[in-house]
Amino acid sequence: MKMKSILKEAKVKKTSPFSPSSQKTRELVCELCRNFYDLGWASGTGGGISIKDGDHIYMAPSGVQKERLNPEDIFVLDLDGNIVEEPGRGLKLSQCAPLFMHAYKIRNAGAVLHSHSVNAATATMLFDKAFRIKNMEMQKGVEGYGAFDTLEVPIIENTAYECELADSLGETIKNNPKSHAVLVRRHGVYVWGKDWKQAKTHAECYDYLFEAASRMKQLGISLEK
């Protein structure tokens, strides 16, 4: 009876195969993917996120339901973009990987995300070479901008395959040092920050501004005043 009681009360500890730091970052990528799915930024397996932690970059896989990711599903890359750890069950590295790497290398980003937001896609159809807005309070959430500045986000043309955007995006990042995002026509937006918190903040503020601009256009309100 005593032995049965001991066995009944015993708890089996589940141990992670990853280091505490790696496990935490993997869980964070999954949490943010769920958050972005709820916002409509990663529906239909689209979108993605990557976070730099030390000498490694943790990246969500391609073509999967982003809201159902688990820590063991995350790819780990070195700072040159080479895979150092990959999950099983046939998962593929995100097609965003070469695009993300441009932001890491050119802008020393700490996190990069890709959103398929309707607001972002719509904004690319309302502007030509660059999204532009001014005098909006939410601009203050983007590093380097004040409420009364003119905020710009460059727009590049879409391609049949996402990886083919890499050269265009890299060149655009170099030519627009003040921007923390690049819009892709009828597609979405790439956003980065010095860490995941700033990247998330930037993405939320940009998305607010994309939506505000679309509504202002519909109402006939000038974006230049």
C-alpha atoms as a PDB file:
ATOM      1  CA  MET A   1       0.000   0.000   0.000  1.00  0.00           C
ATOM      2  CA  LYS A   2       2.798   2.339   0.920  1.00  0.00           C
ATOM      3  CA  MET A   3       4.703   1.558  -2.288  1.00  0.00           C
ATOM      4  CA  LYS A   4       1.560   2.125  -4.385  1.00  0.00           C
ATOM      5  CA  SER A   5       1.056   5.470  -2.658  1.00  0.00           C
ATOM      6  CA  ILE A   6       4.617   6.522  -3.421  1.00  0.00           C
ATOM      7  CA  LEU A   7       4.251   5.523  -7.062  1.00  0.00           C
ATOM      8  CA  LYS A   8       0.942   7.325  -7.331  1.00  0.00           C
ATOM      9  CA  GLU A   9       2.408  10.564  -6.012  1.00  0.00           C
ATOM     10  CA  ALA A  10       5.586  10.379  -8.065  1.00  0.00           C
ATOM     11  CA  LYS A  11       5.756  12.801 -10.979  1.00  0.00           C
ATOM     12  CA  VAL A  12       7.735  12.186 -14.152  1.00  0.00           C
ATOM     13  CA  LYS A  13       9.692  15.253 -15.111  1.00  0.00           C
ATOM     14  CA  LYS A  14       9.694  16.088 -18.803  1.00  0.00           C
ATOM     15  CA  THR A  15      13.078  17.391 -19.816  1.00  0.00           C
ATOM     16  CA  SER A  16      13.740  19.476 -22.897  1.00  0.00           C
ATOM     17  CA  PRO A  17      16.505  18.350 -25.282  1.00  0.00           C
ATOM     18  CA  PHE A  18      17.452  22.015 -25.697  1.00  0.00           C
ATOM     19  CA  SER A  19      19.371  24.372 -23.425  1.00  0.00           C
ATOM     20  CA  PRO A  20      17.224  26.701 -21.270  1.00  0.00           C
ATOM     21  CA  SER A  21      18.121  29.674 -23.499  1.00  0.00           C
ATOM     22  CA  SER A  22      17.355  27.787 -26.695  1.00  0.00           C
ATOM     23  CA  GLN A  23      14.085  26.450 -25.308  1.00  0.00           C
ATOM     24  CA  LYS A  24      12.985  29.931 -24.241  1.00  0.00           C
ATOM     25  CA  THR A  25      13.714  31.448 -27.662  1.00  0.00           C
ATOM     26  CA  ARG A  26      11.982  28.578 -29.460  1.00  0.00           C
ATOM     27  CA  GLU A  27       8.909  29.047 -27.286  1.00  0.00           C
ATOM     28  CA  LEU A  28       8.969  32.792 -27.968  1.00  0.00           C
ATOM     29  CA  VAL A  29       8.991  32.233 -31.747  1.00  0.00           C
ATOM     30  CA  CYS A  30       5.964  29.947 -31.376  1.00  0.00           C
ATOM     31  CA  GLU A  31       4.152  32.411 -29.114  1.00  0.00           C
ATOM     32  CA  LEU A  32       4.681  35.297 -31.515  1.00  0.00           C
ATOM     33  CA  CYS A  33       3.551  33.180 -34.472  1.00  0.00           C
ATOM     34  CA  ARG A  34       0.297  32.498 -32.624  1.00  0.00           C
ATOM     35  CA  ASN A  35      -0.042  36.183 -31.823  1.00  0.00           C
ATOM     36  CA  PHE A  36       0.523  37.161 -35.448  1.00  0.00           C
ATOM     37  CA  TYR A  37      -1.947  34.523 -36.633  1.00  0.00           C
ATOM     38  CA  ASP A  38      -4.589  36.050 -34.353  1.00  0.00           C
ATOM     39  CA  LEU A  39      -3.850  39.453 -35.896  1.00  0.00           C
ATOM     40  CA  GLY A  40      -4.315  38.073 -39.410  1.00  0.00           C
ATOM     41  CA  TRP A  41      -0.632  38.427 -40.278  1.00  0.00           C
ATOM     42  CA  ALA A  42       0.161  34.710 -40.631  1.00  0.00           C
ATOM     43  CA  SER A  43      -2.991  33.036 -41.910  1.00  0.00           C
ATOM     44  CA  GLY A  44      -2.942  30.261 -44.509  1.00  0.00           C
ATOM     45  CA  THR A  45       0.600  29.218 -43.447  1.00  0.00           C
ATOM     46  CA  GLY A  46       1.890  32.648 -44.548  1.00  0.00           C
ATOM     47  CA  GLY A  47       4.149  35.031 -42.698  1.00  0.00           C
ATOM     48  CA  GLY A  48       6.928  34.160 -40.297  1.00  0.00           C
ATOM     49  CA  ILE A  49       9.392  35.321 -37.684  1.00  0.00           C
ATOM     50  CA  SER A  50      13.012  34.887 -36.723  1.00  0.00           C
ATOM     51  CA  ILE A  51      14.841  35.931 -33.560  1.00  0.00           C
ATOM     52  CA  LYS A  52      18.578  36.272 -32.960  1.00  0.00           C
ATOM     53  CA  ASP A  53      19.859  34.937 -29.660  1.00  0.00           C
ATOM     54  CA  GLY A  54      23.614  35.162 -29.251  1.00  0.00           C
ATOM     55  CA  ASP A  55      25.316  33.517 -32.232  1.00  0.00           C
ATOM     56  CA  HIS A  56      22.167  31.804 -33.462  1.00  0.00           C
ATOM     57  CA  ILE A  57      19.018  32.755 -35.339  1.00  0.00           C
ATOM     58  CA  TYR A  58      15.786  30.910 -34.551  1.00  0.00           C
ATOM     59  CA  MET A  59      13.349  30.744 -37.455  1.00  0.00           C
ATOM     60  CA  ALA A  60       9.841  29.398 -37.985  1.00  0.00           C
ATOM     61  CA  PRO A  61       9.566  26.812 -40.808  1.00  0.00           C
ATOM     62  CA  SER A  62       7.836  27.281 -44.148  1.00  0.00           C
ATOM     63  CA  GLY A  63       4.403  26.145 -45.252  1.00  0.00           C
ATOM     64  CA  VAL A  64       2.995  25.181 -41.853  1.00  0.00           C
ATOM     65  CA  GLN A  65       0.140  26.377 -39.679  1.00  0.00           C
ATOM     66  CA  LYS A  66       1.987  29.055 -37.745  1.00  0.00           C
ATOM     67  CA  GLU A  67      -0.468  28.992 -34.830  1.00  0.00           C
ATOM     68  CA  ARG A  68       0.278  25.298 -34.180  1.00  0.00           C
ATOM     69  CA  LEU A  69       4.065  25.398 -34.013  1.00  0.00           C
ATOM     70  CA  ASN A  70       5.980  23.698 -31.214  1.00  0.00           C
ATOM     71  CA  PRO A  71       9.499  24.530 -29.971  1.00  0.00           C
ATOM     72  CA  GLU A  72      10.949  21.432 -31.639  1.00  0.00           C
ATOM     73  CA  ASP A  73       9.686  22.689 -35.032  1.00  0.00           C
ATOM     74  CA  ILE A  74      12.029  25.689 -35.095  1.00  0.00           C
ATOM     75  CA  PHE A  75      15.122  25.902 -37.311  1.00  0.00           C
ATOM     76  CA  VAL A  76      18.387  27.239 -35.878  1.00  0.00           C
ATOM     77  CA  LEU A  77      20.861  29.040 -38.135  1.00  0.00           C
ATOM     78  CA  ASP A  78      24.283  30.572 -37.586  1.00  0.00           C
ATOM     79  CA  LEU A  79      24.916  34.246 -38.303  1.00  0.00           C
ATOM     80  CA  ASP A  80      25.835  33.427 -41.912  1.00  0.00           C
ATOM     81  CA  GLY A  81      22.482  31.766 -42.507  1.00  0.00           C
ATOM     82  CA  ASN A  82      23.695  28.165 -42.389  1.00  0.00           C
ATOM     83  CA  ILE A  83      21.419  25.614 -40.709  1.00  0.00           C
ATOM     84  CA  VAL A  84      22.959  24.235 -37.509  1.00  0.00           C
ATOM     85  CA  GLU A  85      19.849  22.541 -36.125  1.00  0.00           C
ATOM     86  CA  GLU A  86      16.810  21.425 -38.075  1.00  0.00           C
ATOM     87  CA  PRO A  87      13.570  19.772 -36.975  1.00  0.00           C
ATOM     88  CA  GLY A  88      12.376  16.429 -38.233  1.00  0.00           C
ATOM     89  CA  ARG A  89       9.064  15.430 -39.834  1.00  0.00           C
ATOM     90  CA  GLY A  90       9.922  16.917 -43.206  1.00  0.00           C
ATOM     91  CA  LEU A  91       9.752  20.580 -42.232  1.00  0.00           C
ATOM     92  CA  LYS A  92      11.387  23.051 -44.602  1.00  0.00           C
ATOM     93  CA  LEU A  93      13.347  26.205 -43.901  1.00  0.00           C
ATOM     94  CA  SER A  94      11.319  29.333 -44.545  1.00  0.00           C
ATOM     95  CA  GLN A  95      11.636  30.906 -48.001  1.00  0.00           C
ATOM     96  CA  CYS A  96      11.985  34.142 -46.033  1.00  0.00           C
ATOM     97  CA  ALA A  97      15.405  33.032 -44.742  1.00  0.00           C
ATOM     98  CA  PRO A  98      17.590  34.863 -47.310  1.00  0.00           C
ATOM     99  CA  LEU A  99      15.444  37.983 -46.935  1.00  0.00           C
ATOM    100  CA  PHE A 100      15.637  37.876 -43.147  1.00  0.00           C
ATOM    101  CA  MET A 101      19.412  37.505 -43.376  1.00  0.00           C
ATOM    102  CA  HIS A 102      19.732  40.825 -45.237  1.00  0.00           C
ATOM    103  CA  ALA A 103      18.187  42.666 -42.282  1.00  0.00           C
ATOM    104  CA  TYR A 104      20.444  40.806 -39.854  1.00  0.00           C
ATOM    105  CA  LYS A 105      23.603  41.565 -41.801  1.00  0.00           C
ATOM    106  CA  ILE A 106      22.869  45.058 -43.137  1.00  0.00           C
ATOM    107  CA  ARG A 107      20.947  46.500 -40.192  1.00  0.00           C
ATOM    108  CA  ASN A 108      22.255  44.292 -37.365  1.00  0.00           C
ATOM    109  CA  ALA A 109      18.671  43.345 -36.524  1.00  0.00           C
ATOM    110  CA  GLY A 110      17.840  41.298 -33.452  1.00  0.00           C
ATOM    111  CA  ALA A 111      14.564  40.007 -34.885  1.00  0.00           C
ATOM    112  CA  VAL A 112      12.868  40.069 -38.286  1.00  0.00           C
ATOM    113  CA  LEU A 113       9.275  39.219 -39.145  1.00  0.00           C
ATOM    114  CA  HIS A 114       7.209  38.883 -42.286  1.00  0.00           C
ATOM    115  CA  SER A 115       3.522  39.804 -42.233  1.00  0.00           C
ATOM    116  CA  HIS A 116       0.807  39.054 -44.784  1.00  0.00           C
ATOM    117  CA  SER A 117      -1.345  41.760 -43.244  1.00  0.00           C
ATOM    118  CA  VAL A 118      -4.235  42.971 -45.409  1.00  0.00           C
ATOM    119  CA  ASN A 119      -3.372  46.501 -44.306  1.00  0.00           C
ATOM    120  CA  ALA A 120       0.178  46.139 -45.626  1.00  0.00           C
ATOM    121  CA  ALA A 121      -0.928  44.631 -48.933  1.00  0.00           C
ATOM    122  CA  THR A 122      -3.574  47.333 -49.383  1.00  0.00           C
ATOM    123  CA  ALA A 123      -1.069  50.105 -48.679  1.00  0.00           C
ATOM    124  CA  THR A 124       1.097  48.887 -51.576  1.00  0.00           C
ATOM    125  CA  MET A 125      -1.838  49.401 -53.940  1.00  0.00           C
ATOM    126  CA  LEU A 126      -2.405  52.983 -52.815  1.00  0.00           C
ATOM    127  CA  PHE A 127       1.185  54.186 -53.263  1.00  0.00           C
ATOM    128  CA  ASP A 128       3.798  53.898 -56.017  1.00  0.00           C
ATOM    129  CA  LYS A 129       7.440  53.649 -54.940  1.00  0.00           C
ATOM    130  CA  ALA A 130       6.989  54.303 -51.220  1.00  0.00           C
ATOM    131  CA  PHE A 131       4.303  54.437 -48.558  1.00  0.00           C
ATOM    132  CA  ARG A 132       4.209  57.912 -47.024  1.00  0.00           C
ATOM    133  CA  ILE A 133       2.338  59.420 -44.080  1.00  0.00           C
ATOM    134  CA  LYS A 134       2.882  62.284 -41.625  1.00  0.00           C
ATOM    135  CA  ASN A 135       1.559  63.892 -38.446  1.00  0.00           C
ATOM    136  CA  MET A 136       0.369  60.636 -36.837  1.00  0.00           C
ATOM    137  CA  GLU A 137       1.003  59.901 -33.156  1.00  0.00           C
ATOM    138  CA  MET A 138       1.752  56.217 -33.803  1.00  0.00           C
ATOM    139  CA  GLN A 139       4.808  57.204 -35.828  1.00  0.00           C
ATOM    140  CA  LYS A 140       6.568  57.669 -32.472  1.00  0.00           C
ATOM    141  CA  GLY A 141       6.549  53.901 -32.046  1.00  0.00           C
ATOM    142  CA  VAL A 142       8.989  53.567 -34.954  1.00  0.00           C
ATOM    143  CA  GLU A 143      12.584  54.334 -33.995  1.00  0.00           C
ATOM    144  CA  GLY A 144      13.837  57.615 -35.442  1.00  0.00           C
ATOM    145  CA  TYR A 145      10.423  59.188 -36.057  1.00  0.00           C
ATOM    146  CA  GLY A 146       8.397  61.808 -34.250  1.00  0.00           C
ATOM    147  CA  ALA A 147       4.680  62.527 -34.460  1.00  0.00           C
ATOM    148  CA  PHE A 148       5.110  65.402 -36.924  1.00  0.00           C
ATOM    149  CA  ASP A 149       7.695  63.797 -39.220  1.00  0.00           C
ATOM    150  CA  THR A 150       7.019  62.251 -42.616  1.00  0.00           C
ATOM    151  CA  LEU A 151       7.378  58.482 -42.325  1.00  0.00           C
ATOM    152  CA  GLU A 152       8.246  56.502 -45.442  1.00  0.00           C
ATOM    153  CA  VAL A 153       8.421  52.786 -46.214  1.00  0.00           C
ATOM    154  CA  PRO A 154       9.866  51.687 -49.572  1.00  0.00           C
ATOM    155  CA  ILE A 155       7.799  49.379 -51.797  1.00  0.00           C
ATOM    156  CA  ILE A 156       9.310  46.661 -53.994  1.00  0.00           C
ATOM    157  CA  GLU A 157       7.587  44.567 -56.639  1.00  0.00           C
ATOM    158  CA  ASN A 158       6.490  41.022 -55.887  1.00  0.00           C
ATOM    159  CA  THR A 159       7.937  37.905 -57.537  1.00  0.00           C
ATOM    160  CA  ALA A 160       6.585  34.429 -58.235  1.00  0.00           C
ATOM    161  CA  TYR A 161       8.750  32.915 -55.509  1.00  0.00           C
ATOM    162  CA  GLU A 162       9.557  34.619 -52.242  1.00  0.00           C
ATOM    163  CA  CYS A 163      13.255  33.760 -52.272  1.00  0.00           C
ATOM    164  CA  GLU A 164      13.562  35.722 -55.552  1.00  0.00           C
ATOM    165  CA  LEU A 165      12.831  38.912 -53.597  1.00  0.00           C
ATOM    166  CA  ALA A 166      16.126  38.672 -51.718  1.00  0.00           C
ATOM    167  CA  ASP A 167      18.317  40.825 -53.978  1.00  0.00           C
ATOM    168  CA  SER A 168      15.689  43.538 -54.373  1.00  0.00           C
ATOM    169  CA  LEU A 169      14.993  43.644 -50.651  1.00  0.00           C
ATOM    170  CA  GLY A 170      18.685  43.734 -49.743  1.00  0.00           C
ATOM    171  CA  GLU A 171      19.338  46.645 -52.103  1.00  0.00           C
ATOM    172  CA  THR A 172      16.288  48.490 -50.793  1.00  0.00           C
ATOM    173  CA  ILE A 173      17.402  48.073 -47.173  1.00  0.00           C
ATOM    174  CA  LYS A 174      20.801  49.565 -48.073  1.00  0.00           C
ATOM    175  CA  ASN A 175      19.216  52.515 -49.882  1.00  0.00           C
ATOM    176  CA  ASN A 176      16.740  53.341 -47.095  1.00  0.00           C
ATOM    177  CA  PRO A 177      18.750  53.407 -43.852  1.00  0.00           C
ATOM    178  CA  LYS A 178      16.029  55.167 -41.855  1.00  0.00           C
ATOM    179  CA  SER A 179      13.305  52.634 -42.603  1.00  0.00           C
ATOM    180  CA  HIS A 180      12.725  49.577 -40.432  1.00  0.00           C
ATOM    181  CA  ALA A 181      10.471  47.909 -42.991  1.00  0.00           C
ATOM    182  CA  VAL A 182      10.074  47.095 -46.677  1.00  0.00           C
ATOM    183  CA  LEU A 183       6.669  46.595 -48.291  1.00  0.00           C
ATOM    184  CA  VAL A 184       6.133  44.056 -51.083  1.00  0.00           C
ATOM    185  CA  ARG A 185       3.459  44.906 -53.656  1.00  0.00           C
ATOM    186  CA  ARG A 186       0.192  42.978 -53.132  1.00  0.00           C
ATOM    187  CA  HIS A 187       2.039  40.687 -50.733  1.00  0.00           C
ATOM    188  CA  GLY A 188       2.935  42.042 -47.304  1.00  0.00           C
ATOM    189  CA  VAL A 189       5.774  43.597 -45.340  1.00  0.00           C
ATOM    190  CA  TYR A 190       9.147  42.732 -43.796  1.00  0.00           C
ATOM    191  CA  VAL A 191       9.836  44.447 -40.467  1.00  0.00           C
ATOM    192  CA  TRP A 192      12.789  44.339 -38.084  1.00  0.00           C
ATOM    193  CA  GLY A 193      14.111  45.794 -34.844  1.00  0.00           C
ATOM    194  CA  LYS A 194      17.099  45.671 -32.520  1.00  0.00           C
ATOM    195  CA  ASP A 195      15.355  42.854 -30.605  1.00  0.00           C
ATOM    196  CA  TRP A 196      12.048  40.992 -30.759  1.00  0.00           C
ATOM    197  CA  LYS A 197      10.273  43.590 -28.626  1.00  0.00           C
ATOM    198  CA  GLN A 198      11.203  46.449 -30.922  1.00  0.00           C
ATOM    199  CA  ALA A 199      10.437  44.398 -34.050  1.00  0.00           C
ATOM    200  CA  LYS A 200       6.984  43.591 -32.656  1.00  0.00           C
ATOM    201  CA  THR A 201       6.411  47.247 -31.720  1.00  0.00           C
ATOM    202  CA  HIS A 202       7.510  48.413 -35.157  1.00  0.00           C
ATOM    203  CA  ALA A 203       5.239  45.889 -36.868  1.00  0.00           C
ATOM    204  CA  GLU A 204       2.214  46.958 -34.827  1.00  0.00           C
ATOM    205  CA  CYS A 205       2.834  50.668 -35.397  1.00  0.00           C
ATOM    206  CA  TYR A 206       3.455  50.237 -39.118  1.00  0.00           C
ATOM    207  CA  ASP A 207       0.288  48.166 -39.466  1.00  0.00           C
ATOM    208  CA  TYR A 208      -1.722  50.848 -37.651  1.00  0.00           C
ATOM    209  CA  LEU A 209      -0.328  53.478 -40.016  1.00  0.00           C
ATOM    210  CA  PHE A 210      -1.028  51.346 -43.111  1.00  0.00           C
ATOM    211  CA  GLU A 211      -4.648  50.968 -42.019  1.00  0.00           C
ATOM    212  CA  ALA A 212      -4.984  54.652 -41.086  1.00  0.00           C
ATOM    213  CA  ALA A 213      -3.645  55.718 -44.482  1.00  0.00           C
ATOM    214  CA  SER A 214      -6.077  53.419 -46.285  1.00  0.00           C
ATOM    215  CA  ARG A 215      -9.024  54.852 -44.363  1.00  0.00           C
ATOM    216  CA  MET A 216      -7.849  58.410 -44.909  1.00  0.00           C
ATOM    217  CA  LYS A 217      -7.581  57.761 -48.643  1.00  0.00           C
ATOM    218  CA  GLN A 218     -11.134  56.377 -48.682  1.00  0.00           C
ATOM    219  CA  LEU A 219     -12.399  59.473 -46.874  1.00  0.00           C
ATOM    220  CA  GLY A 220     -10.527  61.836 -49.150  1.00  0.00           C
ATOM    221  CA  ILE A 221      -8.288  63.082 -46.330  1.00  0.00           C
ATOM    222  CA  SER A 222      -4.833  64.231 -47.438  1.00  0.00           C
ATOM    223  CA  LEU A 223      -1.892  62.280 -46.050  1.00  0.00           C
ATOM    224  CA  GLU A 224       0.390  65.261 -46.556  1.00  0.00           C
ATOM    225  CA  LYS A 225      -1.256  67.590 -44.014  1.00  0.00           C
END
